[in-house]
Amino acid sequence: MALYRRNIGSTHQAIRVILGVALAIAGVAVLNGPAAWLVAALGGVFVLTGFVGYCPMCAIAGVGRRSGS
C-alpha cells in the first residue's frame, strides 16, 4: 500500500524532471554562494517530485489528477 496517491501526470512529471535538472546545473555552474545551493536544492526537489509523481504543494493547491484517474 502506497503512502501517497500520485497527483501529477506523466507530462507534468517530465517537465519537472527537465526543469529540475536545468535548475541544478544552473545553480552549480552559474551562481555562487548560498544562492547556488538554494537553486540546486530546488532543482533536486523538482527532480525528486517528478520521479515520484507526487507533489505536496500541488496537493495543497488542488492541482493535479482527478481522483478517478
N, C-alpha and C. Protein backbone atom coordinates (compact mmCIF):
# COMPACT_ATOMS: atom_id res chain seq x y z
N MET A 1 0.85 -1.18 0.00
CA MET A 1 0.00 0.00 0.00
C MET A 1 0.89 1.23 0.00
N ALA A 2 0.61 2.13 -0.92
CA ALA A 2 1.40 3.36 -1.04
C ALA A 2 0.98 4.36 0.03
N LEU A 3 1.93 5.17 0.45
CA LEU A 3 1.65 6.20 1.45
C LEU A 3 1.09 7.47 0.82
N TYR A 4 1.08 7.54 -0.49
CA TYR A 4 0.60 8.71 -1.18
C TYR A 4 -0.10 8.27 -2.45
N ARG A 5 -0.86 9.17 -3.03
CA ARG A 5 -1.53 8.92 -4.30
C ARG A 5 -0.92 9.87 -5.32
N ARG A 6 -0.50 9.35 -6.45
CA ARG A 6 0.11 10.19 -7.48
C ARG A 6 -0.84 11.32 -7.86
N ASN A 7 -0.32 12.53 -7.90
CA ASN A 7 -1.20 13.65 -8.22
C ASN A 7 -0.69 14.49 -9.39
N ILE A 8 0.35 14.02 -10.08
CA ILE A 8 0.80 14.71 -11.29
C ILE A 8 0.92 13.70 -12.42
N GLY A 9 0.54 14.12 -13.60
CA GLY A 9 0.55 13.24 -14.75
C GLY A 9 1.94 13.08 -15.35
N SER A 10 2.05 12.27 -16.39
CA SER A 10 3.34 11.95 -16.97
C SER A 10 3.99 13.15 -17.66
N THR A 11 3.20 14.00 -18.30
CA THR A 11 3.75 15.20 -18.92
C THR A 11 4.29 16.15 -17.85
N HIS A 12 3.53 16.33 -16.80
CA HIS A 12 3.94 17.18 -15.68
C HIS A 12 5.21 16.62 -15.04
N GLN A 13 5.31 15.32 -14.92
CA GLN A 13 6.50 14.69 -14.36
C GLN A 13 7.72 14.96 -15.23
N ALA A 14 7.58 14.80 -16.53
CA ALA A 14 8.70 15.03 -17.44
C ALA A 14 9.16 16.48 -17.38
N ILE A 15 8.23 17.40 -17.34
CA ILE A 15 8.58 18.82 -17.24
C ILE A 15 9.32 19.09 -15.94
N ARG A 16 8.87 18.51 -14.86
CA ARG A 16 9.53 18.70 -13.56
C ARG A 16 10.95 18.16 -13.57
N VAL A 17 11.15 17.00 -14.15
CA VAL A 17 12.49 16.41 -14.18
C VAL A 17 13.42 17.28 -15.03
N ILE A 18 12.97 17.69 -16.20
CA ILE A 18 13.80 18.52 -17.08
C ILE A 18 14.11 19.86 -16.42
N LEU A 19 13.10 20.50 -15.85
CA LEU A 19 13.30 21.78 -15.18
C LEU A 19 14.22 21.62 -13.97
N GLY A 20 14.05 20.54 -13.23
CA GLY A 20 14.89 20.30 -12.06
C GLY A 20 16.34 20.11 -12.41
N VAL A 21 16.61 19.35 -13.45
CA VAL A 21 18.00 19.14 -13.89
C VAL A 21 18.59 20.47 -14.36
N ALA A 22 17.82 21.26 -15.11
CA ALA A 22 18.30 22.56 -15.57
C ALA A 22 18.59 23.49 -14.40
N LEU A 23 17.72 23.51 -13.39
CA LEU A 23 17.96 24.35 -12.22
C LEU A 23 19.20 23.91 -11.45
N ALA A 24 19.37 22.62 -11.29
CA ALA A 24 20.54 22.12 -10.57
C ALA A 24 21.83 22.48 -11.30
N ILE A 25 21.83 22.33 -12.60
CA ILE A 25 23.02 22.68 -13.39
C ILE A 25 23.27 24.18 -13.32
N ALA A 26 22.22 24.98 -13.44
CA ALA A 26 22.38 26.44 -13.36
C ALA A 26 22.89 26.85 -11.98
N GLY A 27 22.39 26.21 -10.96
CA GLY A 27 22.83 26.54 -9.62
C GLY A 27 24.30 26.27 -9.40
N VAL A 28 24.79 25.17 -9.95
CA VAL A 28 26.19 24.80 -9.76
C VAL A 28 27.11 25.56 -10.71
N ALA A 29 26.69 25.74 -11.96
CA ALA A 29 27.57 26.29 -12.98
C ALA A 29 27.54 27.82 -13.06
N VAL A 30 26.41 28.43 -12.75
CA VAL A 30 26.27 29.86 -12.99
C VAL A 30 26.36 30.68 -11.71
N LEU A 31 25.73 30.23 -10.66
CA LEU A 31 25.63 31.03 -9.44
C LEU A 31 26.75 30.70 -8.46
N ASN A 32 26.92 31.59 -7.48
CA ASN A 32 27.92 31.40 -6.43
C ASN A 32 27.28 31.57 -5.07
N GLY A 33 27.91 30.99 -4.07
CA GLY A 33 27.48 31.19 -2.69
C GLY A 33 26.20 30.47 -2.34
N PRO A 34 25.47 31.01 -1.35
CA PRO A 34 24.25 30.38 -0.87
C PRO A 34 23.15 30.27 -1.94
N ALA A 35 23.12 31.23 -2.86
CA ALA A 35 22.11 31.19 -3.92
C ALA A 35 22.30 29.94 -4.78
N ALA A 36 23.54 29.56 -5.03
CA ALA A 36 23.81 28.37 -5.83
C ALA A 36 23.26 27.13 -5.15
N TRP A 37 23.49 27.02 -3.84
CA TRP A 37 22.98 25.85 -3.10
C TRP A 37 21.46 25.83 -3.07
N LEU A 38 20.85 26.99 -2.90
CA LEU A 38 19.40 27.08 -2.85
C LEU A 38 18.77 26.67 -4.18
N VAL A 39 19.30 27.19 -5.28
CA VAL A 39 18.76 26.86 -6.60
C VAL A 39 19.01 25.38 -6.93
N ALA A 40 20.18 24.87 -6.58
CA ALA A 40 20.48 23.45 -6.83
C ALA A 40 19.56 22.55 -6.00
N ALA A 41 19.30 22.93 -4.76
CA ALA A 41 18.39 22.15 -3.91
C ALA A 41 16.97 22.18 -4.46
N LEU A 42 16.55 23.34 -4.93
CA LEU A 42 15.22 23.44 -5.53
C LEU A 42 15.12 22.56 -6.76
N GLY A 43 16.17 22.54 -7.56
CA GLY A 43 16.20 21.64 -8.72
C GLY A 43 16.10 20.18 -8.29
N GLY A 44 16.79 19.84 -7.21
CA GLY A 44 16.72 18.47 -6.70
C GLY A 44 15.32 18.09 -6.25
N VAL A 45 14.62 19.04 -5.62
CA VAL A 45 13.24 18.79 -5.20
C VAL A 45 12.35 18.56 -6.41
N PHE A 46 12.54 19.36 -7.46
CA PHE A 46 11.75 19.18 -8.68
C PHE A 46 12.01 17.81 -9.30
N VAL A 47 13.27 17.40 -9.34
CA VAL A 47 13.60 16.08 -9.90
C VAL A 47 12.96 14.97 -9.05
N LEU A 48 13.07 15.08 -7.75
CA LEU A 48 12.51 14.07 -6.86
C LEU A 48 10.99 13.96 -7.02
N THR A 49 10.29 15.09 -7.01
CA THR A 49 8.83 15.03 -7.16
C THR A 49 8.44 14.56 -8.55
N GLY A 50 9.27 14.86 -9.54
CA GLY A 50 9.00 14.36 -10.89
C GLY A 50 9.12 12.85 -10.98
N PHE A 51 10.14 12.30 -10.35
CA PHE A 51 10.31 10.84 -10.38
C PHE A 51 9.25 10.12 -9.55
N VAL A 52 8.89 10.69 -8.42
CA VAL A 52 7.94 10.04 -7.51
C VAL A 52 6.50 10.17 -8.03
N GLY A 53 6.19 11.30 -8.65
CA GLY A 53 4.84 11.51 -9.17
C GLY A 53 3.90 12.15 -8.17
N TYR A 54 4.44 12.65 -7.08
CA TYR A 54 3.61 13.29 -6.06
C TYR A 54 4.24 14.61 -5.67
N CYS A 55 3.43 15.66 -5.65
CA CYS A 55 3.89 16.98 -5.23
C CYS A 55 2.99 17.47 -4.10
N PRO A 56 3.54 17.65 -2.90
CA PRO A 56 2.72 18.11 -1.78
C PRO A 56 2.09 19.47 -2.02
N MET A 57 2.82 20.38 -2.66
CA MET A 57 2.27 21.72 -2.91
C MET A 57 1.13 21.66 -3.92
N CYS A 58 1.23 20.78 -4.91
CA CYS A 58 0.13 20.61 -5.87
C CYS A 58 -1.10 20.03 -5.16
N ALA A 59 -0.87 19.13 -4.22
CA ALA A 59 -1.98 18.54 -3.47
C ALA A 59 -2.69 19.60 -2.63
N ILE A 60 -1.90 20.49 -2.00
CA ILE A 60 -2.49 21.56 -1.19
C ILE A 60 -3.28 22.51 -2.06
N ALA A 61 -2.71 22.85 -3.24
CA ALA A 61 -3.36 23.81 -4.14
C ALA A 61 -4.51 23.19 -4.92
N GLY A 62 -4.64 21.89 -4.89
CA GLY A 62 -5.72 21.22 -5.61
C GLY A 62 -5.41 21.01 -7.08
N VAL A 63 -4.13 21.13 -7.47
CA VAL A 63 -3.71 20.93 -8.84
C VAL A 63 -3.32 19.48 -9.00
N GLY A 64 -3.70 18.88 -10.11
CA GLY A 64 -3.26 17.52 -10.35
C GLY A 64 -4.33 16.65 -10.97
N ARG A 65 -4.12 15.38 -10.83
CA ARG A 65 -5.02 14.40 -11.45
C ARG A 65 -6.35 14.37 -10.72
N ARG A 66 -7.34 13.94 -11.46
CA ARG A 66 -8.65 13.73 -10.85
C ARG A 66 -8.60 12.45 -10.03
N SER A 67 -9.48 12.34 -9.06
CA SER A 67 -9.47 11.16 -8.19
C SER A 67 -9.81 9.88 -8.95
N GLY A 68 -10.53 9.98 -10.08
CA GLY A 68 -10.91 8.82 -10.84
C GLY A 68 -9.84 8.32 -11.78
N SER A 69 -8.74 9.09 -11.98
CA SER A 69 -7.71 8.72 -12.93
C SER A 69 -6.76 7.71 -12.36
